[in-house]
Amino acid sequence: MPMEKNIQTSRLIWRFQAGEPVRIDDPIAREQPVTLKINGEEFATLVCTPTYLEEMAIGFLVSEGLIQAYEEVKTIWIDDRQGFIHIELVRPIDRLHQHLQTKRYMGSCCGMSRQGFVFASDAKTARKVQTRDVKLNAGDCFRLMAELQENARTFQQTGGVHNAALATKDGLLLMREDVGRHNALDKLYGHCLQNGLSLHGKLVVFSGRLSAEIILKVAKIGCELVLSKSAPTDRALQIAEELDITTVGFIRNRSMNVYTVPERIELKS
C-alpha cells in the first residue's frame, strides 16, 4: 500500500535518551486547514493531513447528506496554494441544510472534531444495517489488525496519524491515514464513491477510539462491522446497537473485546 507524498515533514529537535541530549531530525505528521467552497461559497474548514483531498471532500459531502452520489459533483479542483477545495454541484445545496451546516470548523483533535456527536444530517444519512453477511473469527480479527499496523508506516515514523482501512475477511483492500480519525474514514468512502466500489460484505479496520461520530461514519459508509485496537465510548455502543453494527475493540496481544452484535463473530473457547 504506497504512501502518498507530503504526508509528513521533519523538525530538528533535542531528544533525551539514556540520560543524554541528542540532536536529531524527527519526522512529524503534516496538518493543515483546507476549506471547502461549494458553488462558490465557503462551507466548512477541515483540519487534515493534506493528502487524498478530493477523496476526503467527496466522502464528507455524501456522509453529511449534502449530496447522495458522486455523480452530483459537476467539477472539483484543489488550490493547494490557497488551501481551498473548489466544488461545483449540479444543483444548489438545500437552504435548510446549508443553514444547519454552514461554516462549521472541523478540528483534528480527539474529542474536539465535531460540535456534537449527533447532527441534523445523521438522521438522514445513518441507516440501520440490513445485512449480516460479514462473518469473522477471532483469528481473522487479530490478522486484520496486524495487517493494519504493519502498513501504518506514517504512524510508525511519527506517531501522529490515525489509520483506517476497508477490508474483507481475506485482508485489507484500501487504507488511508490522517491526523483526523473522521477524515481517514471520509477518504476511504470518497475513494469508493469515485471508483464505484461496492461496499457489500466489507468491514472497517480502525486504529482510533470508537466514538459516536466514528460509529455514525461507519454506518454512513455502509459497513456492518468495525475492528479497532482502541476503546469505545458508551454512546458509540448505544448507537452501534441501534444500527446493528458489530464493534470489536482493544484488539491487542491476541486479546479483544466484542461489544455489540456478537453474532458476526465466531467465538471459540
Protein backbone atom coordinates (compact mmCIF):
# COMPACT_ATOMS: atom_id res chain seq x y z
CA MET A 1 0.00 0.00 0.00
CA PRO A 2 2.01 3.00 -1.24
CA MET A 3 2.14 6.15 0.86
CA GLU A 4 1.21 9.42 -0.82
CA LYS A 5 3.85 12.16 -0.83
CA ASN A 6 3.82 15.08 1.62
CA ILE A 7 2.11 13.18 4.44
CA GLN A 8 4.95 14.11 6.80
CA THR A 9 7.72 16.62 7.34
CA SER A 10 10.61 16.79 9.82
CA ARG A 11 11.98 19.04 12.52
CA LEU A 12 15.36 19.33 14.20
CA ILE A 13 14.81 18.58 17.87
CA TRP A 14 16.56 17.65 21.09
CA ARG A 15 15.86 14.10 22.23
CA PHE A 16 16.82 12.92 25.66
CA GLN A 17 17.67 9.23 25.76
CA ALA A 18 19.70 7.24 28.26
CA GLY A 19 20.08 10.47 30.23
CA GLU A 20 21.86 12.30 27.39
CA PRO A 21 20.61 15.01 24.97
CA VAL A 22 20.90 14.11 21.29
CA ARG A 23 20.22 16.44 18.34
CA ILE A 24 18.13 14.60 15.72
CA ASP A 25 15.89 15.25 12.73
CA ASP A 26 12.48 13.98 13.86
CA PRO A 27 9.65 13.03 11.44
CA ILE A 28 6.41 14.95 12.08
CA ALA A 29 2.93 14.30 10.66
CA ARG A 30 1.68 17.17 8.50
CA GLU A 31 -1.53 19.02 9.36
CA GLN A 32 -3.22 21.97 7.69
CA PRO A 33 -6.66 23.55 7.32
CA VAL A 34 -8.43 23.07 4.00
CA THR A 35 -11.63 24.98 3.21
CA LEU A 36 -14.41 23.51 1.10
CA LYS A 37 -16.01 26.04 -1.23
CA ILE A 38 -19.30 24.73 -2.60
CA ASN A 39 -20.83 26.53 -5.57
CA GLY A 40 -18.55 29.47 -4.84
CA GLU A 41 -19.33 29.81 -1.11
CA GLU A 42 -17.20 28.74 1.85
CA PHE A 43 -18.90 25.82 3.58
CA ALA A 44 -16.53 24.16 6.06
CA THR A 45 -12.90 24.09 7.06
CA LEU A 46 -11.38 20.67 7.67
CA VAL A 47 -8.10 20.31 9.55
CA CYS A 48 -6.40 17.33 7.97
CA THR A 49 -3.35 15.61 6.59
CA PRO A 50 -3.14 17.24 3.11
CA THR A 51 -3.35 14.04 1.05
CA TYR A 52 -6.19 12.42 -0.92
CA LEU A 53 -8.09 15.69 -0.51
CA GLU A 54 -10.51 15.04 -3.36
CA GLU A 55 -11.49 11.70 -1.82
CA MET A 56 -11.95 13.34 1.57
CA ALA A 57 -14.18 16.06 0.15
CA ILE A 58 -16.41 13.57 -1.70
CA GLY A 59 -16.69 11.29 1.33
CA PHE A 60 -17.51 14.27 3.54
CA LEU A 61 -20.21 15.60 1.21
CA VAL A 62 -22.00 12.27 0.94
CA SER A 63 -21.68 11.29 4.60
CA GLU A 64 -23.02 14.70 5.64
CA GLY A 65 -26.00 14.26 3.32
CA LEU A 66 -25.17 17.25 1.13
CA ILE A 67 -25.21 15.02 -1.94
CA GLN A 68 -26.42 11.47 -2.49
CA ALA A 69 -23.84 10.32 -5.04
CA TYR A 70 -20.55 11.27 -6.68
CA GLU A 71 -22.42 11.97 -9.91
CA GLU A 72 -23.88 15.10 -8.30
CA VAL A 73 -20.41 16.71 -8.38
CA LYS A 74 -20.01 18.71 -11.58
CA THR A 75 -16.40 19.76 -11.03
CA ILE A 76 -13.85 19.58 -8.22
CA TRP A 77 -10.37 21.06 -8.13
CA ILE A 78 -7.83 21.77 -5.42
CA ASP A 79 -5.99 25.05 -4.87
CA ASP A 80 -3.01 23.88 -2.81
CA ARG A 81 -1.54 27.35 -2.55
CA GLN A 82 -4.63 28.97 -1.03
CA GLY A 83 -5.87 25.87 0.80
CA PHE A 84 -9.22 25.53 -0.95
CA ILE A 85 -11.16 22.64 -2.44
CA HIS A 86 -13.48 24.14 -5.06
CA ILE A 87 -16.59 22.06 -5.67
CA GLU A 88 -19.37 22.81 -8.12
CA LEU A 89 -22.50 20.73 -7.69
CA VAL A 90 -25.12 20.06 -10.33
CA ARG A 91 -27.73 21.63 -8.04
CA PRO A 92 -27.78 24.16 -5.17
CA ILE A 93 -27.49 22.97 -1.57
CA ASP A 94 -30.79 22.76 0.27
CA ARG A 95 -31.25 26.05 2.16
CA LEU A 96 -32.19 24.40 5.46
CA HIS A 97 -29.21 22.05 5.26
CA GLN A 98 -26.97 24.98 4.44
CA HIS A 99 -28.29 26.87 7.47
CA LEU A 100 -27.59 23.92 9.76
CA GLN A 101 -24.14 23.15 8.41
CA THR A 102 -22.60 26.35 7.08
CA LYS A 103 -19.01 27.26 8.01
CA ARG A 104 -18.56 24.70 10.75
CA TYR A 105 -14.99 24.34 11.98
CA MET A 106 -13.73 20.75 11.94
CA GLY A 107 -10.68 20.21 14.17
CA SER A 108 -8.48 17.15 14.10
CA CYS A 109 -8.01 16.87 17.86
CA CYS A 110 -9.66 13.87 19.50
CA GLY A 111 -12.82 14.91 21.30
CA MET A 112 -12.90 18.27 19.52
CA SER A 113 -13.53 17.11 15.98
CA ARG A 114 -17.25 17.88 15.94
CA GLN A 115 -19.55 20.36 17.66
CA GLY A 116 -21.57 17.41 18.93
CA PHE A 117 -21.90 13.73 18.30
CA VAL A 118 -25.28 13.74 16.54
CA PHE A 119 -26.04 16.25 13.78
CA ALA A 120 -29.13 17.07 11.79
CA SER A 121 -27.66 15.16 8.84
CA ASP A 122 -27.13 11.97 10.87
CA ALA A 123 -30.80 11.02 10.97
CA LYS A 124 -30.86 11.39 7.19
CA THR A 125 -27.69 9.51 6.31
CA ALA A 126 -27.02 6.95 9.07
CA ARG A 127 -29.23 3.92 8.45
CA LYS A 128 -29.63 0.65 10.31
CA VAL A 129 -27.58 -2.11 8.71
CA GLN A 130 -29.84 -4.53 6.84
CA THR A 131 -27.41 -7.43 6.34
CA ARG A 132 -25.30 -9.81 8.38
CA ASP A 133 -23.08 -11.11 5.61
CA VAL A 134 -19.71 -10.44 7.26
CA LYS A 135 -18.57 -13.33 9.47
CA LEU A 136 -15.19 -13.37 11.24
CA ASN A 137 -13.48 -15.50 13.83
CA ALA A 138 -11.01 -14.27 16.44
CA GLY A 139 -8.05 -15.20 14.26
CA ASP A 140 -9.40 -13.04 11.42
CA CYS A 141 -9.69 -10.07 13.77
CA PHE A 142 -6.11 -10.44 15.02
CA ARG A 143 -4.76 -10.90 11.48
CA LEU A 144 -6.56 -7.86 10.04
CA MET A 145 -5.43 -5.63 12.90
CA ALA A 146 -1.84 -6.85 12.48
CA GLU A 147 -2.02 -6.04 8.76
CA LEU A 148 -3.27 -2.52 9.53
CA GLN A 149 -0.43 -1.91 11.96
CA GLU A 150 2.18 -3.34 9.60
CA ASN A 151 1.08 -0.91 6.88
CA ALA A 152 0.77 2.12 9.19
CA ARG A 153 4.13 3.50 8.10
CA THR A 154 3.45 7.16 8.85
CA PHE A 155 2.24 6.29 12.34
CA GLN A 156 5.32 4.15 12.88
CA GLN A 157 7.53 7.09 11.96
CA THR A 158 5.60 9.98 13.53
CA GLY A 159 3.02 8.56 15.95
CA GLY A 160 0.79 11.41 14.76
CA VAL A 161 -1.88 9.94 12.48
CA HIS A 162 -4.87 7.63 12.61
CA ASN A 163 -5.27 4.70 10.23
CA ALA A 164 -8.42 3.33 8.65
CA ALA A 165 -8.81 0.51 6.17
CA LEU A 166 -11.58 -1.10 4.18
CA ALA A 167 -11.30 -4.86 4.29
CA THR A 168 -12.86 -8.24 3.71
CA LYS A 169 -12.24 -11.34 5.77
CA ASP A 170 -9.30 -12.10 3.47
CA GLY A 171 -7.38 -8.86 4.02
CA LEU A 172 -7.14 -5.09 3.64
CA LEU A 173 -8.33 -3.60 0.36
CA LEU A 174 -7.68 0.10 0.87
CA MET A 175 -6.01 2.14 3.60
CA ARG A 176 -5.86 5.85 4.43
CA GLU A 177 -4.04 7.84 7.12
CA ASP A 178 -4.91 11.23 8.57
CA VAL A 179 -4.45 13.35 11.68
CA GLY A 180 -8.26 13.30 11.95
CA ARG A 181 -10.00 9.98 12.57
CA HIS A 182 -13.10 11.06 10.68
CA ASN A 183 -11.00 12.35 7.77
CA ALA A 184 -9.41 8.94 7.30
CA LEU A 185 -12.87 7.38 7.01
CA ASP A 186 -14.07 10.09 4.62
CA LYS A 187 -11.07 9.36 2.38
CA LEU A 188 -11.96 5.66 2.28
CA TYR A 189 -15.58 6.44 1.48
CA GLY A 190 -14.69 9.04 -1.14
CA HIS A 191 -12.42 6.59 -2.96
CA CYS A 192 -15.20 4.00 -3.09
CA LEU A 193 -17.71 6.56 -4.37
CA GLN A 194 -15.38 7.89 -7.06
CA ASN A 195 -14.46 4.43 -8.28
CA GLY A 196 -17.83 2.74 -7.95
CA LEU A 197 -16.55 0.15 -5.48
CA SER A 198 -19.21 -1.99 -3.80
CA LEU A 199 -19.26 -1.84 -0.01
CA HIS A 200 -21.27 -5.04 0.31
CA GLY A 201 -19.54 -7.53 2.56
CA LYS A 202 -16.87 -5.04 3.64
CA LEU A 203 -15.73 -4.01 7.12
CA VAL A 204 -13.67 -1.21 8.63
CA VAL A 205 -10.38 -1.78 10.45
CA PHE A 206 -9.50 1.23 12.57
CA SER A 207 -6.71 2.43 14.85
CA GLY A 208 -8.53 5.01 16.94
CA ARG A 209 -11.12 5.26 19.67
CA LEU A 210 -14.63 4.19 18.68
CA SER A 211 -16.55 7.36 19.48
CA ALA A 212 -20.16 8.06 18.49
CA GLU A 213 -19.05 10.03 15.44
CA ILE A 214 -16.91 7.14 14.21
CA ILE A 215 -19.76 4.63 14.52
CA LEU A 216 -22.00 7.04 12.63
CA LYS A 217 -19.37 7.34 9.90
CA VAL A 218 -19.17 3.55 9.63
CA ALA A 219 -22.95 3.41 9.32
CA LYS A 220 -22.99 6.08 6.63
CA ILE A 221 -20.32 4.23 4.67
CA GLY A 222 -22.49 1.14 4.89
CA CYS A 223 -20.25 -1.33 6.74
CA GLU A 224 -21.69 -3.72 9.30
CA LEU A 225 -18.57 -4.39 11.37
CA VAL A 226 -15.70 -2.31 12.73
CA LEU A 227 -12.48 -3.53 14.34
CA SER A 228 -10.31 -1.25 16.49
CA LYS A 229 -7.24 -1.53 18.66
CA SER A 230 -8.70 1.13 20.96
CA ALA A 231 -11.67 1.59 23.28
CA PRO A 232 -15.28 2.54 22.55
CA THR A 233 -17.45 5.09 24.34
CA ASP A 234 -20.83 4.26 25.85
CA ARG A 235 -22.68 6.49 23.39
CA ALA A 236 -20.90 4.80 20.49
CA LEU A 237 -22.04 1.39 21.70
CA GLN A 238 -25.63 2.58 22.11
CA ILE A 239 -25.61 3.82 18.52
CA ALA A 240 -23.93 0.62 17.28
CA GLU A 241 -26.68 -1.47 18.87
CA GLU A 242 -29.39 0.74 17.39
CA LEU A 243 -27.83 0.49 13.92
CA ASP A 244 -26.94 -3.25 14.21
CA ILE A 245 -23.20 -2.66 13.83
CA THR A 246 -20.75 -5.13 15.34
CA THR A 247 -17.99 -3.41 17.30
CA VAL A 248 -14.78 -5.11 18.37
CA GLY A 249 -12.23 -3.13 20.37
CA PHE A 250 -8.97 -3.46 22.27
CA ILE A 251 -7.57 -5.86 19.68
CA ARG A 252 -4.11 -6.25 21.17
CA ASN A 253 -1.79 -9.10 22.11
CA ARG A 254 -4.17 -11.83 20.93
CA SER A 255 -6.97 -10.37 23.04
CA MET A 256 -10.10 -8.46 22.05
CA ASN A 257 -13.50 -7.30 23.32
CA VAL A 258 -16.72 -7.86 21.35
CA TYR A 259 -19.09 -5.12 22.47
CA THR A 260 -22.16 -5.20 20.22
CA VAL A 261 -23.94 -7.61 17.87
CA PRO A 262 -21.62 -10.59 18.57
CA GLU A 263 -23.46 -12.78 16.05
CA ARG A 264 -20.98 -11.76 13.33
CA ILE A 265 -18.02 -13.04 15.35
CA GLU A 266 -17.39 -16.76 15.74
CA LEU A 267 -16.24 -17.06 19.32
CA LYS A 268 -14.39 -20.23 20.33
CA SER A 269 -13.33 -21.17 23.82
